[in-house]
Protein backbone atom coordinates (compact mmCIF):
# COMPACT_ATOMS: atom_id res chain seq x y z
CA UNK A 1 241.14 113.46 155.00
CA UNK A 2 240.93 111.05 157.85
CA UNK A 3 239.49 107.57 157.37
CA UNK A 4 237.86 105.43 159.95
CA UNK A 5 238.75 101.88 160.74
CA UNK A 6 235.63 100.61 159.03
CA UNK A 7 236.52 102.65 155.96
CA UNK A 8 239.92 101.08 155.94
CA UNK A 9 238.42 97.57 156.06
CA UNK A 10 236.09 98.41 153.29
CA UNK A 11 238.97 99.71 151.30
CA UNK A 12 240.86 96.48 151.75
CA UNK A 13 237.84 94.56 150.59
CA UNK A 14 237.61 96.62 147.52
CA UNK A 15 241.21 96.41 146.57
CA UNK A 16 240.79 93.37 144.25
CA UNK A 17 238.03 95.19 142.44
CA UNK A 18 240.05 98.28 142.37
CA UNK A 19 242.88 96.39 140.94
CA UNK A 20 240.73 95.18 138.14
CA UNK A 21 239.56 98.65 137.60
CA UNK A 22 243.08 99.83 137.80
CA UNK A 23 244.00 97.47 135.11
CA UNK A 24 241.46 99.00 132.94
CA UNK A 25 242.64 102.36 134.02
CA UNK A 26 246.17 101.48 133.31
CA UNK A 27 245.12 100.66 129.86
CA UNK A 28 243.48 104.01 129.52
CA UNK A 29 246.22 106.01 131.18
CA UNK A 30 249.19 103.92 130.26
CA UNK A 31 250.28 103.70 133.91
CA UNK A 32 251.44 100.55 135.64
CA UNK A 33 248.68 98.41 136.99
CA UNK A 34 248.93 98.73 140.68
CA UNK A 35 246.40 99.00 143.43
CA UNK A 36 245.51 102.56 144.68
CA UNK A 37 246.05 103.47 148.24
CA UNK A 38 243.32 104.91 150.42
CA UNK A 39 245.02 108.31 150.31
CA UNK A 40 244.76 108.44 146.56
CA UNK A 41 241.19 107.45 146.79
CA UNK A 42 240.46 110.29 149.26
CA UNK A 43 242.24 112.85 147.10
CA UNK A 44 240.24 111.75 144.07
CA UNK A 45 237.04 111.98 146.12
CA UNK A 46 237.86 115.50 147.34
CA UNK A 47 238.68 116.57 143.78
CA UNK A 48 235.33 115.22 142.60
CA UNK A 49 233.49 117.09 145.38
CA UNK A 50 235.19 120.40 144.53
CA UNK A 51 234.38 119.89 140.89
CA UNK A 52 230.75 119.27 141.78
CA UNK A 53 230.69 122.42 143.94
CA UNK A 54 232.15 124.44 141.07
CA UNK A 55 229.55 123.05 138.70
CA UNK A 56 226.75 123.91 141.18
CA UNK A 57 228.12 127.47 141.62
CA UNK A 58 228.24 127.95 137.85
CA UNK A 59 224.68 126.73 137.55
CA UNK A 60 223.48 129.07 140.35
CA UNK A 61 225.26 132.04 138.75
CA UNK A 62 223.66 131.23 135.41
CA UNK A 63 220.25 130.95 137.06
CA UNK A 64 220.69 134.26 138.92
CA UNK A 65 221.81 135.96 135.71
CA UNK A 66 218.85 134.51 133.89
CA UNK A 67 216.43 135.73 136.59
CA UNK A 68 218.09 139.15 136.71
CA UNK A 69 217.54 139.71 133.01
CA UNK A 70 214.08 138.18 132.83
CA UNK A 71 210.95 140.16 131.71
CA UNK A 72 209.55 140.23 135.24
CA UNK A 73 212.79 141.76 136.57
CA UNK A 74 212.89 144.41 133.86
CA UNK A 75 209.22 145.16 134.59
CA UNK A 76 209.91 145.73 138.27
CA UNK A 77 212.93 147.90 137.47
CA UNK A 78 210.88 149.96 135.02
CA UNK A 79 208.16 150.46 137.63
CA UNK A 80 210.72 151.54 140.23
CA UNK A 81 212.34 153.94 137.75
CA UNK A 82 208.96 155.40 136.78
CA UNK A 83 208.04 155.87 140.45
CA UNK A 84 211.33 157.62 141.11
CA UNK A 85 210.78 159.92 138.12
CA UNK A 86 207.29 160.77 139.26
CA UNK A 87 208.54 161.50 142.79
CA UNK A 88 211.24 163.80 141.38
CA UNK A 89 208.71 165.61 139.22
CA UNK A 90 206.34 166.10 142.17
CA UNK A 91 209.17 167.55 144.22
CA UNK A 92 210.12 169.88 141.38
CA UNK A 93 206.53 170.97 140.92
CA UNK A 94 206.08 171.66 144.64
CA UNK A 95 209.31 173.65 144.78
CA UNK A 96 208.52 176.09 141.99
CA UNK A 97 206.25 174.62 139.34
CA UNK A 98 208.41 176.28 136.75
CA UNK A 99 211.72 175.45 135.16
CA UNK A 100 213.75 177.44 132.72
CA UNK A 101 213.67 176.48 129.05
CA UNK A 102 217.39 176.03 128.51
CA UNK A 103 218.09 173.37 131.20
CA UNK A 104 215.22 171.32 129.86
CA UNK A 105 216.60 171.53 126.32
CA UNK A 106 220.06 170.37 127.47
CA UNK A 107 218.60 167.47 129.42
CA UNK A 108 216.40 166.51 126.50
CA UNK A 109 219.47 166.52 124.20
CA UNK A 110 221.41 164.25 126.54
CA UNK A 111 218.49 161.89 126.88
CA UNK A 112 218.02 161.76 123.13
CA UNK A 113 221.68 160.97 122.67
CA UNK A 114 221.64 158.21 125.29
CA UNK A 115 218.46 156.74 123.90
CA UNK A 116 219.97 156.73 120.40
CA UNK A 117 223.02 154.88 121.70
CA UNK A 118 220.93 152.36 123.54
CA UNK A 119 218.37 151.73 120.84
CA UNK A 120 215.89 154.60 120.94
CA UNK A 121 212.97 152.79 119.35
CA UNK A 122 212.94 150.07 121.98
CA UNK A 123 213.23 152.50 124.85
CA UNK A 124 210.43 154.80 123.47
CA UNK A 125 208.14 151.79 123.32
CA UNK A 126 209.04 150.96 126.92
CA UNK A 127 208.32 154.57 128.00
CA UNK A 128 204.99 154.73 126.22
CA UNK A 129 203.40 151.86 128.15
CA UNK A 130 200.23 152.66 130.09
CA UNK A 131 198.43 151.16 133.05
CA UNK A 132 196.47 148.84 130.80
CA UNK A 133 199.41 147.93 128.46
CA UNK A 134 201.81 146.08 130.71
CA UNK A 135 201.25 142.92 128.68
CA UNK A 136 203.36 144.45 125.88
CA UNK A 137 206.31 145.06 128.18
CA UNK A 138 207.67 141.51 127.84
CA UNK A 139 208.22 141.81 124.11
CA UNK A 140 209.84 145.19 124.46
CA UNK A 141 212.11 143.98 127.25
CA UNK A 142 213.22 141.09 125.05
CA UNK A 143 214.46 143.54 122.50
CA UNK A 144 216.10 145.49 125.30
CA UNK A 145 217.97 142.34 126.42
CA UNK A 146 219.22 141.82 122.86
CA UNK A 147 220.49 145.40 122.82
CA UNK A 148 222.17 144.84 126.18
CA UNK A 149 223.79 141.67 124.82
CA UNK A 150 225.20 143.60 121.85
CA UNK A 151 226.32 146.51 124.04
CA UNK A 152 228.15 145.27 127.10
CA UNK A 153 227.20 148.25 129.27
CA UNK A 154 226.02 148.12 132.85
CA UNK A 155 222.19 147.62 133.07
CA UNK A 156 222.11 150.42 135.60
CA UNK A 157 222.80 152.88 132.75
CA UNK A 158 219.74 151.69 130.87
CA UNK A 159 217.59 151.93 133.98
CA UNK A 160 218.82 155.48 134.44
CA UNK A 161 218.08 156.32 130.82
CA UNK A 162 214.64 154.78 131.17
CA UNK A 163 213.91 156.93 134.24
CA UNK A 164 215.08 160.06 132.42
CA UNK A 165 212.94 159.32 129.35
CA UNK A 166 209.91 158.59 131.49
CA UNK A 167 210.54 161.84 133.40
CA UNK A 168 210.83 163.84 130.19
CA UNK A 169 207.63 162.36 128.81
CA UNK A 170 205.83 162.96 132.07
CA UNK A 171 207.21 166.54 132.22
CA UNK A 172 206.07 167.33 128.68
CA UNK A 173 202.64 165.93 129.48
CA UNK A 174 202.40 168.04 132.65
CA UNK A 175 203.95 171.38 131.60
CA UNK A 176 203.73 173.60 128.53
CA UNK A 177 205.86 176.39 127.21
CA UNK A 178 204.57 179.89 128.06
CA UNK A 179 205.65 183.49 128.79
CA UNK A 180 205.45 185.29 132.13
CA UNK A 181 204.55 188.99 131.91
CA UNK A 182 205.69 191.55 134.48
CA UNK A 183 204.43 195.14 134.64
CA UNK A 184 206.80 197.57 136.34
CA UNK A 185 208.37 194.68 138.22
CA UNK A 186 205.05 193.24 139.38
CA UNK A 187 203.91 189.82 138.14
CA UNK A 188 201.02 190.31 135.70
CA UNK A 189 200.24 186.80 134.44
CA UNK A 190 201.23 184.08 131.98
CA UNK A 191 200.34 183.98 128.27
CA UNK A 192 200.63 181.02 125.92
CA UNK A 193 202.55 182.85 123.17
CA UNK A 194 204.21 186.09 122.16
CA UNK A 195 201.43 186.60 119.63
CA UNK A 196 198.87 186.58 122.42
CA UNK A 197 200.93 189.16 124.33
CA UNK A 198 201.11 191.42 121.25
CA UNK A 199 197.35 191.07 120.68
CA UNK A 200 196.66 192.15 124.28
CA UNK A 201 198.91 195.21 123.95
CA UNK A 202 197.28 196.11 120.62
CA UNK A 203 193.80 195.94 122.17
CA UNK A 204 194.91 198.19 125.04
CA UNK A 205 196.33 200.77 122.62
CA UNK A 206 193.16 200.70 120.51
CA UNK A 207 190.87 201.18 123.51
CA UNK A 208 193.00 204.03 124.87
CA UNK A 209 193.04 205.77 121.46
CA UNK A 210 189.24 205.52 121.17
CA UNK A 211 188.77 207.09 124.59
CA UNK A 212 191.40 209.82 124.29
CA UNK A 213 190.50 210.67 120.70
CA UNK A 214 194.15 210.50 119.67
CA UNK A 215 196.84 207.90 118.87
CA UNK A 216 198.30 206.07 121.84
CA UNK A 217 201.38 203.79 122.10
CA UNK A 218 201.95 201.55 125.09
CA UNK A 219 205.32 201.99 126.84
CA UNK A 220 207.00 198.65 126.06
CA UNK A 221 209.71 199.20 128.69
CA UNK A 222 207.15 198.77 131.46
CA UNK A 223 206.24 195.24 130.27
CA UNK A 224 208.87 192.47 130.50
CA UNK A 225 208.49 188.94 129.06
CA UNK A 226 210.18 185.80 130.47
CA UNK A 227 209.93 182.28 128.88
CA UNK A 228 208.73 179.67 131.40
CA UNK A 229 207.19 176.19 131.59
CA UNK A 230 203.92 175.99 133.50
CA UNK A 231 200.97 173.67 133.91
CA UNK A 232 198.21 174.33 131.33
CA UNK A 233 195.79 175.46 134.01
CA UNK A 234 198.28 178.18 135.04
CA UNK A 235 197.81 180.13 131.76
CA UNK A 236 196.18 183.47 132.69
CA UNK A 237 192.96 184.89 131.28
CA UNK A 238 193.87 187.32 128.50
CA UNK A 239 190.92 189.57 129.36
CA UNK A 240 192.17 189.97 132.93
CA UNK A 241 195.68 190.85 131.78
CA UNK A 242 194.24 193.36 129.31
CA UNK A 243 192.13 194.94 132.05
CA UNK A 244 195.20 195.42 134.28
CA UNK A 245 197.25 196.91 131.44
CA UNK A 246 194.40 199.22 130.43
CA UNK A 247 194.02 200.43 134.01
CA UNK A 248 197.76 201.18 134.13
CA UNK A 249 197.41 203.32 130.98
CA UNK A 250 195.14 205.73 132.88
CA UNK A 251 193.03 206.59 129.83
CA UNK A 252 190.00 206.86 132.09
CA UNK A 253 190.01 208.87 135.32
CA UNK A 254 187.49 209.21 138.13
CA UNK A 255 185.48 212.44 137.84
CA UNK A 256 182.13 213.73 139.12
CA UNK A 257 179.05 215.02 137.31
CA UNK A 258 176.30 217.42 138.41
CA UNK A 259 172.66 216.69 137.58
CA UNK A 260 169.62 218.90 138.39
CA UNK A 261 166.16 217.38 137.91
CA UNK A 262 167.69 214.85 135.52
CA UNK A 263 169.49 217.49 133.41
CA UNK A 264 173.29 217.18 133.13
CA UNK A 265 175.04 220.48 133.88
CA UNK A 266 178.68 219.41 133.58
CA UNK A 267 181.56 217.60 135.26
CA UNK A 268 184.50 218.42 137.53
CA UNK A 269 187.66 216.65 138.61
CA UNK A 270 186.55 216.34 142.24
CA UNK A 271 183.34 216.20 144.19
CA UNK A 272 184.55 219.15 146.28
CA UNK A 273 184.68 221.40 143.17
CA UNK A 274 180.98 220.83 142.46
CA UNK A 275 179.97 221.18 146.11
CA UNK A 276 181.75 224.54 146.22
CA UNK A 277 179.67 225.73 143.24
CA UNK A 278 176.45 224.63 144.98
CA UNK A 279 177.45 226.43 148.19
CA UNK A 280 178.16 229.54 146.15
CA UNK A 281 174.70 229.41 144.53
CA UNK A 282 173.01 228.99 147.92
CA UNK A 283 175.04 231.65 149.74
CA UNK A 284 172.71 234.66 149.03
CA UNK A 285 169.89 232.90 150.89
CA UNK A 286 171.85 231.78 153.94
CA UNK A 287 172.05 233.71 157.21
CA UNK A 288 174.06 233.61 160.39
CA UNK A 289 171.30 231.47 161.91
CA UNK A 290 171.47 228.83 159.18
CA UNK A 291 171.76 225.28 160.47
CA UNK A 292 171.62 223.56 157.11
CA UNK A 293 170.24 224.01 153.67
CA UNK A 294 169.04 221.93 150.76
CA UNK A 295 167.73 222.51 147.29
CA UNK A 296 164.09 222.17 146.35
CA UNK A 297 165.14 220.61 143.04
CA UNK A 298 166.63 217.13 142.79
CA UNK A 299 170.38 217.87 142.84
CA UNK A 300 172.79 214.95 142.44
CA UNK A 301 176.59 214.69 142.39
CA UNK A 302 177.56 211.31 140.97
CA UNK A 303 180.85 209.58 140.03
CA UNK A 304 181.71 209.11 136.35
CA UNK A 305 184.72 207.88 134.36
CA UNK A 306 186.04 210.34 131.78
CA UNK A 307 189.07 210.45 129.41
CA UNK A 308 192.18 211.63 131.22
CA UNK A 309 192.58 214.53 128.77
CA UNK A 310 189.12 215.97 129.54
CA UNK A 311 189.01 219.75 130.05
CA UNK A 312 186.57 220.78 132.83
CA UNK A 313 184.54 223.99 132.40
CA UNK A 314 183.52 225.03 135.92
CA UNK A 315 182.71 228.58 134.83
CA UNK A 316 179.93 227.32 132.56
CA UNK A 317 178.36 225.42 135.46
CA UNK A 318 178.65 228.52 137.68
CA UNK A 319 176.84 230.68 135.11
CA UNK A 320 174.03 228.16 134.77
CA UNK A 321 173.51 227.99 138.54
CA UNK A 322 173.45 231.79 138.90
CA UNK A 323 170.80 232.63 136.29
CA UNK A 324 167.23 233.55 137.20
CA UNK A 325 164.36 231.75 135.52
CA UNK A 326 160.71 232.67 135.15
CA UNK A 327 158.32 230.45 137.05
CA UNK A 328 154.55 230.44 136.98
CA UNK A 329 152.78 230.72 140.32
CA UNK A 330 149.56 232.14 141.77
CA UNK A 331 148.55 235.22 143.71
CA UNK A 332 145.60 235.20 146.13
CA UNK A 333 143.53 238.38 146.01
CA UNK A 334 143.28 240.18 149.36
CA UNK A 335 140.85 242.75 150.60
CA UNK A 336 141.52 246.13 149.00
CA UNK A 337 143.42 244.64 146.02
CA UNK A 338 142.70 245.79 142.47
CA UNK A 339 143.77 244.11 139.26
CA UNK A 340 146.08 246.95 138.23
CA UNK A 341 147.53 247.33 141.71
CA UNK A 342 148.37 243.61 141.78
CA UNK A 343 150.09 243.86 138.40
CA UNK A 344 152.17 246.88 139.41
CA UNK A 345 153.17 245.32 142.74
CA UNK A 346 154.55 242.33 140.84
CA UNK A 347 156.51 244.47 138.40
CA UNK A 348 154.12 243.71 135.56
CA UNK A 349 151.84 245.72 133.33
CA UNK A 350 148.06 245.11 133.69
CA UNK A 351 147.82 243.80 130.12
CA UNK A 352 150.61 241.23 130.89
CA UNK A 353 148.66 240.02 133.93
CA UNK A 354 145.48 239.95 131.84
CA UNK A 355 147.14 237.72 129.21
CA UNK A 356 148.07 235.24 131.93
CA UNK A 357 144.44 235.28 133.19
CA UNK A 358 142.24 235.42 130.05
CA UNK A 359 139.12 234.21 131.91
CA UNK A 360 139.34 236.85 134.65
CA UNK A 361 137.16 239.98 134.36
CA UNK A 362 139.46 242.80 135.35
CA UNK A 363 136.72 244.77 137.16
CA UNK A 364 135.21 241.73 138.89
CA UNK A 365 137.92 240.16 141.00
CA UNK A 366 137.09 239.05 144.53
CA UNK A 367 138.81 238.27 147.80
CA UNK A 368 140.59 234.86 147.86
CA UNK A 369 140.50 234.62 144.07
CA UNK A 370 143.69 233.09 142.60
CA UNK A 371 145.43 234.88 139.75
CA UNK A 372 148.15 233.29 137.65
CA UNK A 373 151.34 235.32 137.83
CA UNK A 374 154.97 234.95 136.77
CA UNK A 375 157.90 235.58 139.01
CA UNK A 376 161.65 235.32 138.61
CA UNK A 377 163.21 232.59 140.75
CA UNK A 378 166.80 231.33 140.94
CA UNK A 379 167.82 228.29 138.91
CA UNK A 380 168.18 226.42 142.22
CA UNK A 381 165.60 227.22 144.90
CA UNK A 382 167.29 227.15 148.30
CA UNK A 383 165.46 225.80 151.32
CA UNK A 384 167.19 227.31 154.34
CA UNK A 385 166.73 225.85 157.83
CA UNK A 386 167.54 228.27 160.66
CA UNK A 387 167.60 228.33 164.44
CA UNK A 388 166.40 231.76 165.57
CA UNK A 389 166.07 233.33 169.00
CA UNK A 390 164.15 236.64 169.18
CA UNK A 391 161.86 238.78 171.31
CA UNK A 392 158.16 238.62 170.48
CA UNK A 393 155.31 240.81 171.64
CA UNK A 394 152.60 239.09 173.69
CA UNK A 395 149.33 240.72 172.70
CA UNK A 396 147.26 242.13 175.53
CA UNK A 397 144.33 239.83 176.29
CA UNK A 398 140.89 241.40 175.71
CA UNK A 399 137.87 241.12 177.91
CA UNK A 400 134.58 242.31 176.35
CA UNK A 401 131.77 244.14 178.09
CA UNK A 402 128.42 244.02 176.35
CA UNK A 403 126.55 247.26 175.65
CA UNK A 404 123.42 248.22 173.74
CA UNK A 405 125.03 251.44 172.64
CA UNK A 406 126.89 249.57 169.89
CA UNK A 407 125.73 247.45 167.01
CA UNK A 408 126.42 243.73 166.98
CA UNK A 409 129.96 243.22 165.74
CA UNK A 410 131.12 246.71 166.74
CA UNK A 411 133.59 247.21 169.59
CA UNK A 412 134.96 250.13 171.59
CA UNK A 413 137.94 250.09 173.93
CA UNK A 414 137.14 251.00 177.54
CA UNK A 415 140.63 250.46 179.06
CA UNK A 416 143.67 249.67 176.99
CA UNK A 417 146.05 247.07 178.46
CA UNK A 418 149.79 246.70 177.86
CA UNK A 419 151.40 244.11 175.63
CA UNK A 420 153.89 241.68 177.15
CA UNK A 421 157.27 240.44 175.86
CA UNK A 422 158.62 236.90 175.37
CA UNK A 423 161.97 235.38 174.39
CA UNK A 424 161.26 232.81 171.67
CA UNK A 425 163.41 230.10 170.11
CA UNK A 426 162.11 228.70 166.83
CA UNK A 427 163.09 226.56 163.88
CA UNK A 428 162.28 228.60 160.76
CA UNK A 429 162.29 227.42 157.18
CA UNK A 430 162.79 229.79 154.24
CA UNK A 431 162.61 229.16 150.49
CA UNK A 432 164.62 231.71 148.53
CA UNK A 433 164.47 234.04 151.53
CA UNK A 434 160.68 233.78 152.02
CA UNK A 435 159.45 232.18 155.22
CA UNK A 436 157.37 229.05 154.63
CA UNK A 437 157.31 227.45 158.08
CA UNK A 438 158.00 228.37 161.71
CA UNK A 439 158.10 225.91 164.60
CA UNK A 440 158.38 227.42 168.07
CA UNK A 441 160.69 225.27 170.18
CA UNK A 442 160.51 227.28 173.42
CA UNK A 443 159.10 230.57 174.73
CA UNK A 444 160.10 232.42 177.91
CA UNK A 445 157.95 235.34 179.14
CA UNK A 446 160.01 238.42 179.91
CA UNK A 447 157.15 240.90 180.55
CA UNK A 448 153.63 239.83 181.48
CA UNK A 449 150.86 241.52 179.41
CA UNK A 450 147.93 243.35 181.05
CA UNK A 451 144.25 242.98 180.09
CA UNK A 452 142.41 245.28 177.69
CA UNK A 453 138.73 245.89 178.48
CA UNK A 454 136.49 246.64 175.52
CA UNK A 455 132.78 247.12 174.88
CA UNK A 456 130.99 244.92 172.36
CA UNK A 457 127.62 245.86 170.83
CA UNK A 458 124.40 243.94 171.35
CA UNK A 459 122.03 246.10 169.27
CA UNK A 460 121.13 244.47 165.94
CA UNK A 461 122.86 246.16 163.05
CA UNK A 462 120.46 248.06 160.73
CA UNK A 463 120.77 247.49 157.02
CA UNK A 464 122.03 251.01 156.65
CA UNK A 465 125.02 250.37 158.90
CA UNK A 466 128.42 250.23 157.26
CA UNK A 467 129.97 246.80 156.58
CA UNK A 468 133.50 248.14 156.46
CA UNK A 469 134.19 247.34 152.82
CA UNK A 470 133.10 248.75 149.45
CA UNK A 471 131.39 247.29 146.39
CA UNK A 472 131.49 248.69 142.84
CA UNK A 473 128.82 251.42 142.44
CA UNK A 474 128.36 250.46 138.78
CA UNK A 475 129.98 248.07 136.30
CA UNK A 476 131.64 249.38 133.18
CA UNK A 477 134.89 250.32 131.48
CA UNK A 478 137.38 252.47 133.38
CA UNK A 479 137.96 255.49 131.15
CA UNK A 480 140.14 257.41 133.58
CA UNK A 481 142.10 256.16 136.61
CA UNK A 482 143.11 257.93 139.79
CA UNK A 483 146.14 260.22 139.34
CA UNK A 484 147.68 262.62 136.86
CA UNK A 485 146.32 262.87 133.33
CA UNK A 486 146.20 265.15 130.30
CA UNK A 487 142.72 266.48 129.77
CA UNK A 488 141.96 268.64 126.71
CA UNK A 489 145.62 269.55 126.27
CA UNK A 490 146.37 270.41 129.91
CA UNK A 491 147.64 268.43 132.89
CA UNK A 492 145.06 267.49 135.51
CA UNK A 493 145.09 265.34 138.63
CA UNK A 494 142.08 263.06 138.66
CA UNK A 495 140.73 262.38 142.18
CA UNK A 496 138.75 259.23 141.42
CA UNK A 497 137.69 256.63 138.88
CA UNK A 498 135.55 257.34 135.82
CA UNK A 499 133.35 254.32 135.08
CA UNK A 500 131.66 254.53 131.67
CA UNK A 501 128.00 253.51 131.51
CA UNK A 502 124.78 254.50 129.73
CA UNK A 503 122.64 257.43 130.88
CA UNK A 504 120.06 256.27 133.41
CA UNK A 505 122.13 253.31 134.70
CA UNK A 506 121.53 252.67 138.42
CA UNK A 507 124.25 253.99 140.75
CA UNK A 508 124.53 252.05 144.05
CA UNK A 509 125.93 252.98 147.47
CA UNK A 510 129.36 251.37 147.93
CA UNK A 511 128.58 250.81 151.64
CA UNK A 512 125.93 251.71 154.20
CA UNK A 513 126.00 255.18 155.74
CA UNK A 514 124.43 258.66 155.90
CA UNK A 515 123.91 260.99 152.91
CA UNK A 516 125.76 264.26 153.55
CA UNK A 517 125.41 265.80 150.05
CA UNK A 518 122.73 265.46 147.40
CA UNK A 519 122.55 268.16 144.70
CA UNK A 520 124.52 270.23 142.23
CA UNK A 521 128.22 270.70 143.07
CA UNK A 522 130.17 272.67 140.41
CA UNK A 523 132.23 270.52 138.06
CA UNK A 524 130.84 267.37 139.74
CA UNK A 525 127.37 268.19 138.36
CA UNK A 526 124.68 266.32 140.26
CA UNK A 527 126.50 264.76 143.26
CA UNK A 528 125.70 262.32 146.08
CA UNK A 529 128.14 262.04 149.03
CA UNK A 530 127.83 259.39 151.79
CA UNK A 531 129.67 259.33 155.12
CA UNK A 532 130.25 255.77 156.39
CA UNK A 533 130.52 254.57 159.98
CA UNK A 534 134.31 254.36 159.83
CA UNK A 535 134.57 258.00 158.78
CA UNK A 536 135.27 257.36 155.09
CA UNK A 537 133.30 259.44 152.54
CA UNK A 538 132.38 258.31 149.03
CA UNK A 539 131.41 260.61 146.07
CA UNK A 540 129.11 259.69 143.15
CA UNK A 541 129.17 262.51 140.51
CA UNK A 542 127.86 263.54 137.04
CA UNK A 543 124.46 261.90 137.71
CA UNK A 544 121.40 262.64 135.63
CA UNK A 545 119.00 262.06 138.59
CA UNK A 546 119.43 261.94 142.39
CA UNK A 547 117.26 259.46 144.38
CA UNK A 548 118.28 260.31 148.01
CA UNK A 549 118.38 263.42 150.19
CA UNK A 550 120.79 264.77 152.79
CA UNK A 551 120.36 262.95 156.10
CA UNK A 552 118.99 259.74 154.57
CA UNK A 553 120.35 256.43 155.89
CA UNK A 554 121.27 254.18 153.00
CA UNK A 555 122.40 250.55 152.93
CA UNK A 556 125.10 248.91 150.89
CA UNK A 557 123.91 248.29 147.31
CA UNK A 558 120.97 250.73 147.54
CA UNK A 559 120.28 252.69 144.29
CA UNK A 560 121.01 256.34 145.11
CA UNK A 561 121.17 257.97 141.63
CA UNK A 562 121.00 257.52 137.86
CA UNK A 563 124.09 257.90 135.69
CA UNK A 564 124.44 260.91 133.44
CA UNK A 565 126.92 263.45 132.07
CA UNK A 566 126.27 266.60 134.17
CA UNK A 567 129.00 269.02 135.21
CA UNK A 568 132.48 268.83 133.66
CA UNK A 569 131.97 265.59 131.70
CA UNK A 570 132.75 264.32 128.19
CA UNK A 571 130.09 261.62 128.24
CA UNK A 572 127.82 259.53 130.49
CA UNK A 573 129.75 257.90 133.31
CA UNK A 574 129.99 257.65 137.10
CA UNK A 575 132.79 259.51 138.86
CA UNK A 576 133.55 257.44 142.02
CA UNK A 577 135.76 258.98 144.68
CA UNK A 578 136.93 257.84 148.15
CA UNK A 579 138.06 260.36 150.78
CA UNK A 580 139.73 259.67 154.10
CA UNK A 581 140.12 262.60 156.45
CA UNK A 582 139.00 264.79 153.55
CA UNK A 583 141.87 263.55 151.35
CA UNK A 584 141.18 261.69 148.10
CA UNK A 585 142.76 258.20 147.83
CA UNK A 586 142.90 255.68 145.02
CA UNK A 587 139.52 253.89 144.98
CA UNK A 588 141.12 250.84 143.33
CA UNK A 589 142.77 250.03 146.64
CA UNK A 590 139.38 249.65 148.33
CA UNK A 591 137.34 247.90 145.69
CA UNK A 592 137.26 244.10 145.23
C-alpha cells in the first residue's frame, strides 16, 4: 500500500505515541519495544479491513439465511407450489379428465412416505390451509423450520413434497372413483359403483322377463367395466343407462295394429301386411276404372310396441274382414210394389218383413212409404271412386201440339224423332258395388238427336177417365194369392186375389173406365169387368149384387157391386183379377 508524503509526516509525528503504545504492546506480546514502521502499520490496517469485510459477509449471509427461512418466505413458496399444482391439475383435466387408478395409488404412496419422513402432521396442516386461514401458516411454518433444522435436507425437497400433497388433496376434492361402462365397444356411461351397475342390469332383466313372459338373462360379455376417476358431475344417470341397455335387449319390437270403428282386430309385424289384407277385402268391389278407394268405416293402422316373441295371426284378421254382417236399412215403396213382393225381392219371407215393421198394415202400404229391412253387407263397406268414359243416349226432344181430341194429361205421338249419342266422361262413386253418385266431367255429342212431335190433350178429364193406377177394391184378409194352390184336394192355378169380407160389403172400381161385363159368368158367379183407358181389364167376382151395367162409365172408387159368395166360392169374398192383353197377371204388382 502506497503512502503519501503527508501520511509519512503524520506517521513520524505519531511515532512517540506509537512507541509508548508499543511499550505496552511489548508487554502484552513479549516483543522488544521498538517503534513500528509505516509498512507494518499499513499491513495491520489492511488485515483489519479484510477482517471487517469477512465479518460483514458473515452477517449478510446470516441475514439472507434468516430471510430465506422466514414465515413470509415459506408462505410465498407454498403459494407458488399450490399454483403450480393447480396448473398441473388443470392441464391434466383438459387433456383427459380421467386418470387410471393405479398411477394415482403409487403417487399417493410415495407422497405419504415422503410426508412421513418430513413430518407428516406439519405438512398436512400446511396443505389444509384455506383462503381465510393464512394467519395460521406462520405457526405451521415454524414447525416446518424445526423439522428442516433436524433433517439437513434441501428445502427444495420439502417444497416439492408440499406441491405433491396439495395436488393430491386438490385431485381428491375434484375427482371421484367410478366405473365406465361400454356396450359392444361403445361408451355407455359412468356409474358410481359396481353395485349400481348390477342393479341396472337386474332391472333390465326383470323388465325383459315381464314383457316376454319368460326368464331372461343379460349377456354379460356385451358389457365391459373399467375403473376410472371422474368429476362428480360426470356420473351418468342410471335411468338413461338402463334405457339404453333395455333397448339393446330388444324385448319390445315395433309392430302395427288394425282398428275398425274403435274395435281392435289384431296386429302384424309390418304396416304392409295389414294394408295387403285391406286391399284383399276391397278387391271384389274394385274395377278397371278405379282411381282410389276408401272404407266407409273408420279404419286405422297404428304403430304399437309388442314383445319380440309375439306370434302374429294374420289369418284371423283376414277371416274377420271377409265375413258378411246384417245391417238394418230402409226400402222406399214404389208404384206397383206389394208387401209380399218386396219381401221376396229382398230374399225374405213376408212374416220376417212384418216383424221388422210391426206398425205397418200389410194391405195398406203406399208409394214413398219407408219399410225397415235387413240386408247383408260386408264387414268393411268399400267406397270405390272411378273414372268412367262411356256412350250415352241423348233422348229425342219432344215438341207438343195441343188437341181437343185428348184429355188433359194424355199425349199421343205424331212423329217420332231419333235419339242422339254422346261420349261422356264421369267420376262415379260406388258403395259395395252400388252407385251412389255420378259427376259428369265432360260430354261430347257423337250423333245429334231429332225432335219428336206429340199431341197433348186440352179436353178436361172426366171423372170416369182412368188415372193409370189401381186402388184396392175392398179391404180385408187375403185368403188366396195369385198362383198355384191346392183346392179341395186338387191342384189349381188361381188367377187373382181372394179378399175376405162380409156379404154386402161395397166393392169399388180400382180405376176409371167402361163396364164391359155385368152379370152371371160361370164359376165367377155375379161378375163385373171394367176396361180401362190403358187397355187393362179388371174383374170383380162372386158378388151378391151388381150395381152397374155394360157400357156404363165408372170412376175410380165408385161402388159397382156388393160382396157375396156366388159361383165357385167357399165363403163371402171379392175375387179381384187384373188382365193385360187378355192374360191374367199378379194383382199385387199393381196395387199400392
